[in-house]
Amino acid sequence: MRKIELKVDGHLAVVTINRPEQFNCFDLETLYQLNETVNEIKFDRNIRVVIITGAGEKSFSTGADLRERRTLNEKEVRRNVNLIGEVFTKIGELPQPTIAAINGYALGGGLELALACDFRFAVKEAILGLTEVSWAIIPGAGGTQRLCRLIGISKAKELILTARKIDAIQAYDLGLVNKVVDRNELLESSVRLAEEIMKNGPLAVTQAKYAINYGSNVDLKTGLAIESKAYEVIIPSTDRVEALEAFNEKRAPQFKGE
């Protein structure tokens, strides 16, 4: 049984961390499989939105597999930390929008994975936190950088330096998650968001995401230049012409991602 499962239904991909008995934590094999899966998704033009979740009802992911970590020497620890950071960066840079469906605990690297996604939906029972300093380490897979950009530096410091765990409602109030739902609505709500996105022009969605991601942390002039270049990619597309023709003919457009 694979530790990372990928299911594609139409234009939607669902990635599941499949180690429920280990709270979906990341050992080396899981990281290799996740890296392989992300590479597969990145170059699949058929996939337009990605949902990432955890198997079972207890945990989205609790981060690094500490039982494995105890057996590693310093060189191997550096390898694992570098790999998890690289994989999460790849997820953050996927051209497709990504939705973290947080079905339980999202702690340490698990929350860092969710932070690498574009959207975060959480069940009411979810518990979230960057708890690394309680283990005498720091968030090393983007947590110190992504959290402060999402909720502000002061609040991020408060959560990270205290290793505090918060519930889904507190996370929503901080702007850490987009929506809190009942457990039986988690995937349904995530799919609804995916469907809202997928009805739009695929190239436009990817270019809009690109412009936001790469333009939001630069000065306005540079950001506007990034936006302009992203728009230029769309102009020769057949989808843009199809949208205009569909408008003129008063019908729904049929986008092909071309």
Protein backbone atom coordinates (compact mmCIF):
# COMPACT_ATOMS: atom_id res chain seq x y z
CA MET A 1 0.00 0.00 0.00
CA ARG A 2 1.36 3.38 -1.01
CA LYS A 3 1.91 6.00 1.64
CA ILE A 4 0.84 8.73 -0.79
CA GLU A 5 -2.27 8.04 -2.86
CA LEU A 6 -3.23 10.01 -5.97
CA LYS A 7 -6.71 9.85 -7.45
CA VAL A 8 -7.70 11.88 -10.50
CA ASP A 9 -11.36 12.43 -11.35
CA GLY A 10 -11.80 14.52 -14.45
CA HIS A 11 -9.68 17.62 -13.89
CA LEU A 12 -9.49 17.21 -10.10
CA ALA A 13 -6.63 15.45 -8.29
CA VAL A 14 -6.91 14.29 -4.69
CA VAL A 15 -3.66 13.52 -2.87
CA THR A 16 -4.01 11.55 0.38
CA ILE A 17 -1.28 11.02 2.96
CA ASN A 18 -1.97 7.38 3.80
CA ARG A 19 -0.39 6.64 7.18
CA PRO A 20 -3.41 7.01 9.48
CA GLU A 21 -1.99 4.82 12.26
CA GLN A 22 1.07 7.10 12.38
CA PHE A 23 -1.05 10.27 12.26
CA ASN A 24 0.00 10.69 8.61
CA CYS A 25 3.48 11.82 9.59
CA PHE A 26 6.34 11.95 7.09
CA ASP A 27 9.05 9.34 7.04
CA LEU A 28 11.61 9.32 4.24
CA GLU A 29 9.61 6.98 1.99
CA THR A 30 6.50 9.15 2.36
CA LEU A 31 8.49 12.24 1.38
CA TYR A 32 9.91 10.48 -1.69
CA GLN A 33 6.43 9.38 -2.75
CA LEU A 34 5.00 12.87 -2.16
CA ASN A 35 7.80 14.39 -4.22
CA GLU A 36 7.15 11.91 -7.02
CA THR A 37 3.40 12.66 -6.92
CA VAL A 38 3.90 16.43 -6.98
CA ASN A 39 6.21 16.11 -10.00
CA GLU A 40 3.57 14.02 -11.75
CA ILE A 41 0.84 16.58 -11.06
CA LYS A 42 2.94 19.57 -12.10
CA PHE A 43 3.30 18.40 -15.68
CA ASP A 44 -0.20 16.97 -16.13
CA ARG A 45 -2.17 19.64 -18.01
CA ASN A 46 -5.35 17.63 -17.48
CA ILE A 47 -5.22 18.36 -13.73
CA ARG A 48 -6.60 21.80 -12.92
CA VAL A 49 -7.07 21.74 -9.12
CA VAL A 50 -5.43 19.66 -6.37
CA ILE A 51 -6.89 18.70 -2.97
CA ILE A 52 -4.46 17.42 -0.33
CA THR A 53 -5.78 15.59 2.73
CA GLY A 54 -4.93 12.88 5.24
CA ALA A 55 -6.32 9.37 5.60
CA GLY A 56 -8.63 8.61 8.50
CA GLU A 57 -10.35 11.02 10.88
CA LYS A 58 -7.59 11.82 13.38
CA SER A 59 -4.93 13.65 11.47
CA PHE A 60 -4.12 15.68 8.38
CA SER A 61 -0.46 15.27 9.29
CA THR A 62 1.64 15.68 12.41
CA GLY A 63 4.81 16.41 10.44
CA ALA A 64 8.09 14.57 10.70
CA ASP A 65 8.10 10.95 11.87
CA LEU A 66 9.86 11.42 15.20
CA ARG A 67 10.34 7.68 15.68
CA GLU A 68 12.34 7.59 12.46
CA ARG A 69 14.07 10.86 13.33
CA ARG A 70 15.49 9.31 16.52
CA THR A 71 17.35 6.73 14.41
CA LEU A 72 18.98 9.26 12.06
CA ASN A 73 22.44 10.77 12.28
CA GLU A 74 22.98 14.50 11.68
CA LYS A 75 23.66 14.02 7.97
CA GLU A 76 20.43 12.08 7.54
CA VAL A 77 18.45 14.67 9.50
CA ARG A 78 19.75 17.40 7.19
CA ARG A 79 18.74 15.27 4.20
CA ASN A 80 15.18 14.83 5.50
CA VAL A 81 14.75 18.49 6.47
CA ASN A 82 16.04 19.62 3.09
CA LEU A 83 13.76 17.19 1.26
CA ILE A 84 10.58 18.17 3.11
CA GLY A 85 11.33 21.84 2.48
CA GLU A 86 11.91 21.20 -1.23
CA VAL A 87 8.71 19.19 -1.60
CA PHE A 88 6.57 21.81 0.14
CA THR A 89 8.12 24.52 -2.02
CA LYS A 90 7.18 22.50 -5.10
CA ILE A 91 3.61 22.30 -3.79
CA GLY A 92 3.56 26.06 -3.26
CA GLU A 93 4.80 26.56 -6.82
CA LEU A 94 2.38 24.17 -8.52
CA PRO A 95 0.60 25.92 -11.40
CA GLN A 96 -2.67 24.37 -10.26
CA PRO A 97 -4.55 25.85 -7.27
CA THR A 98 -4.20 23.67 -4.18
CA ILE A 99 -6.65 23.08 -1.32
CA ALA A 100 -5.59 21.58 2.02
CA ALA A 101 -8.54 19.61 3.42
CA ILE A 102 -7.50 19.50 7.08
CA ASN A 103 -9.30 16.52 8.60
CA GLY A 104 -7.67 16.51 12.04
CA TYR A 105 -4.33 17.37 13.61
CA ALA A 106 -2.15 19.67 11.49
CA LEU A 107 0.97 20.05 13.58
CA GLY A 108 4.57 20.91 12.76
CA GLY A 109 5.31 19.87 9.21
CA GLY A 110 1.66 19.01 8.74
CA LEU A 111 0.67 22.64 9.20
CA GLU A 112 3.62 23.69 7.03
CA LEU A 113 2.19 21.51 4.26
CA ALA A 114 -1.19 23.21 4.64
CA LEU A 115 0.51 26.62 4.57
CA ALA A 116 2.12 25.72 1.25
CA CYS A 117 -1.36 25.28 -0.25
CA ASP A 118 -3.45 28.13 -1.64
CA PHE A 119 -6.53 27.40 0.49
CA ARG A 120 -7.17 25.66 3.79
CA PHE A 121 -10.49 24.10 4.83
CA ALA A 122 -10.60 22.52 8.29
CA VAL A 123 -13.01 20.35 10.26
CA LYS A 124 -14.25 21.80 13.55
CA GLU A 125 -12.23 19.22 15.49
CA ALA A 126 -8.93 20.16 13.83
CA ILE A 127 -6.01 21.23 16.00
CA LEU A 128 -3.28 23.29 14.36
CA GLY A 129 0.14 24.47 15.46
CA LEU A 130 3.80 24.91 14.66
CA THR A 131 5.06 23.07 17.73
CA GLU A 132 8.69 22.56 16.74
CA VAL A 133 10.32 24.72 19.43
CA SER A 134 8.83 22.38 22.06
CA TRP A 135 11.05 19.72 20.49
CA ALA A 136 14.08 22.07 20.58
CA ILE A 137 13.99 22.66 16.81
CA ILE A 138 12.29 25.26 14.59
CA PRO A 139 9.81 25.03 11.73
CA GLY A 140 12.12 24.09 8.86
CA ALA A 141 9.77 23.53 5.92
CA GLY A 142 8.59 27.09 5.37
CA GLY A 143 6.62 27.66 8.56
CA THR A 144 8.53 30.71 9.81
CA GLN A 145 8.12 32.37 6.41
CA ARG A 146 4.65 31.38 5.21
CA LEU A 147 2.80 31.84 8.50
CA CYS A 148 3.92 35.45 9.02
CA ARG A 149 2.96 36.31 5.45
CA LEU A 150 -0.48 34.86 6.08
CA ILE A 151 -1.39 36.19 9.54
CA GLY A 152 1.26 38.85 10.25
CA ILE A 153 4.63 38.79 11.96
CA SER A 154 3.52 39.38 15.54
CA LYS A 155 0.80 36.72 15.58
CA ALA A 156 3.11 34.27 13.81
CA LYS A 157 5.82 34.84 16.43
CA GLU A 158 3.28 34.28 19.18
CA LEU A 159 2.20 30.92 17.78
CA ILE A 160 5.69 29.72 16.84
CA LEU A 161 7.60 30.83 19.94
CA THR A 162 5.00 29.42 22.32
CA ALA A 163 4.50 26.22 20.28
CA ARG A 164 0.81 26.89 20.90
CA LYS A 165 -1.87 24.62 19.50
CA ILE A 166 -5.11 26.26 18.40
CA ASP A 167 -8.48 24.95 17.29
CA ALA A 168 -10.07 25.46 13.90
CA ILE A 169 -12.23 28.41 14.99
CA GLN A 170 -9.19 30.24 16.41
CA ALA A 171 -7.33 29.47 13.16
CA TYR A 172 -10.22 30.90 11.16
CA ASP A 173 -10.30 34.06 13.28
CA LEU A 174 -6.57 34.54 12.61
CA GLY A 175 -7.05 34.08 8.88
CA LEU A 176 -5.05 30.85 8.92
CA VAL A 177 -7.90 28.79 7.42
CA ASN A 178 -10.46 29.87 4.85
CA LYS A 179 -13.38 27.87 6.16
CA VAL A 180 -14.40 25.62 9.07
CA VAL A 181 -16.84 22.82 8.26
CA ASP A 182 -18.42 19.71 9.74
CA ARG A 183 -16.41 16.57 9.14
CA ASN A 184 -18.91 15.11 6.67
CA GLU A 185 -18.71 18.32 4.62
CA LEU A 186 -14.93 18.65 4.36
CA LEU A 187 -14.29 16.98 1.01
CA GLU A 188 -17.63 18.14 -0.38
CA SER A 189 -16.78 21.77 0.46
CA SER A 190 -13.29 21.38 -0.97
CA VAL A 191 -14.68 19.88 -4.18
CA ARG A 192 -17.21 22.72 -4.49
CA LEU A 193 -14.41 25.26 -4.35
CA ALA A 194 -12.45 23.22 -6.88
CA GLU A 195 -15.45 23.14 -9.20
CA GLU A 196 -15.88 26.91 -8.93
CA ILE A 197 -12.28 27.32 -10.02
CA MET A 198 -12.36 24.65 -12.73
CA LYS A 199 -15.28 26.23 -14.60
CA ASN A 200 -12.97 29.12 -15.49
CA GLY A 201 -10.24 29.33 -18.13
CA PRO A 202 -7.43 26.97 -17.02
CA LEU A 203 -4.62 29.10 -18.44
CA ALA A 204 -6.14 32.22 -16.88
CA VAL A 205 -6.34 30.51 -13.47
CA THR A 206 -2.70 29.41 -13.59
CA GLN A 207 -1.48 32.80 -14.78
CA ALA A 208 -3.55 34.65 -12.16
CA LYS A 209 -2.06 32.40 -9.46
CA TYR A 210 1.41 33.02 -10.85
CA ALA A 211 0.91 36.80 -10.84
CA ILE A 212 -0.37 36.77 -7.26
CA ASN A 213 2.35 34.47 -5.92
CA TYR A 214 5.26 36.27 -7.54
CA GLY A 215 3.86 39.80 -7.40
CA SER A 216 2.65 39.94 -3.80
CA ASN A 217 6.08 40.20 -2.17
CA VAL A 218 7.66 42.77 -4.48
CA ASP A 219 7.12 46.50 -4.96
CA LEU A 220 3.98 47.57 -6.84
CA LYS A 221 5.79 48.51 -10.05
CA THR A 222 7.47 45.12 -10.27
CA GLY A 223 4.21 43.39 -9.38
CA LEU A 224 2.38 45.21 -12.16
CA ALA A 225 5.08 44.14 -14.61
CA ILE A 226 4.64 40.52 -13.51
CA GLU A 227 0.89 40.85 -13.99
CA SER A 228 1.39 42.31 -17.47
CA LYS A 229 3.65 39.43 -18.53
CA ALA A 230 1.17 36.91 -17.15
CA TYR A 231 -1.60 38.56 -19.19
CA GLU A 232 0.48 38.37 -22.37
CA VAL A 233 0.57 34.58 -22.04
CA ILE A 234 -3.24 34.52 -22.22
CA ILE A 235 -3.72 36.74 -25.30
CA PRO A 236 -2.88 34.15 -28.01
CA SER A 237 -4.84 31.36 -26.28
CA THR A 238 -7.79 29.67 -27.97
CA ASP A 239 -9.62 29.74 -24.63
CA ARG A 240 -9.68 33.55 -24.69
CA VAL A 241 -11.27 33.51 -28.14
CA GLU A 242 -13.70 30.80 -27.05
CA ALA A 243 -14.83 32.94 -24.10
CA LEU A 244 -15.63 35.85 -26.41
CA GLU A 245 -17.47 33.62 -28.87
CA ALA A 246 -19.45 31.98 -26.07
CA PHE A 247 -20.45 35.40 -24.74
CA ASN A 248 -21.59 36.48 -28.18
CA GLU A 249 -23.55 33.24 -28.66
CA LYS A 250 -25.01 33.36 -25.12
CA ARG A 251 -23.72 29.93 -24.13
CA ALA A 252 -21.30 28.49 -21.61
CA PRO A 253 -17.68 28.44 -22.84
CA GLN A 254 -15.92 25.13 -23.45
CA PHE A 255 -12.37 25.65 -22.24
CA LYS A 256 -9.57 23.29 -23.29
CA GLY A 257 -6.62 24.85 -21.53
CA GLU A 258 -5.10 25.89 -24.83
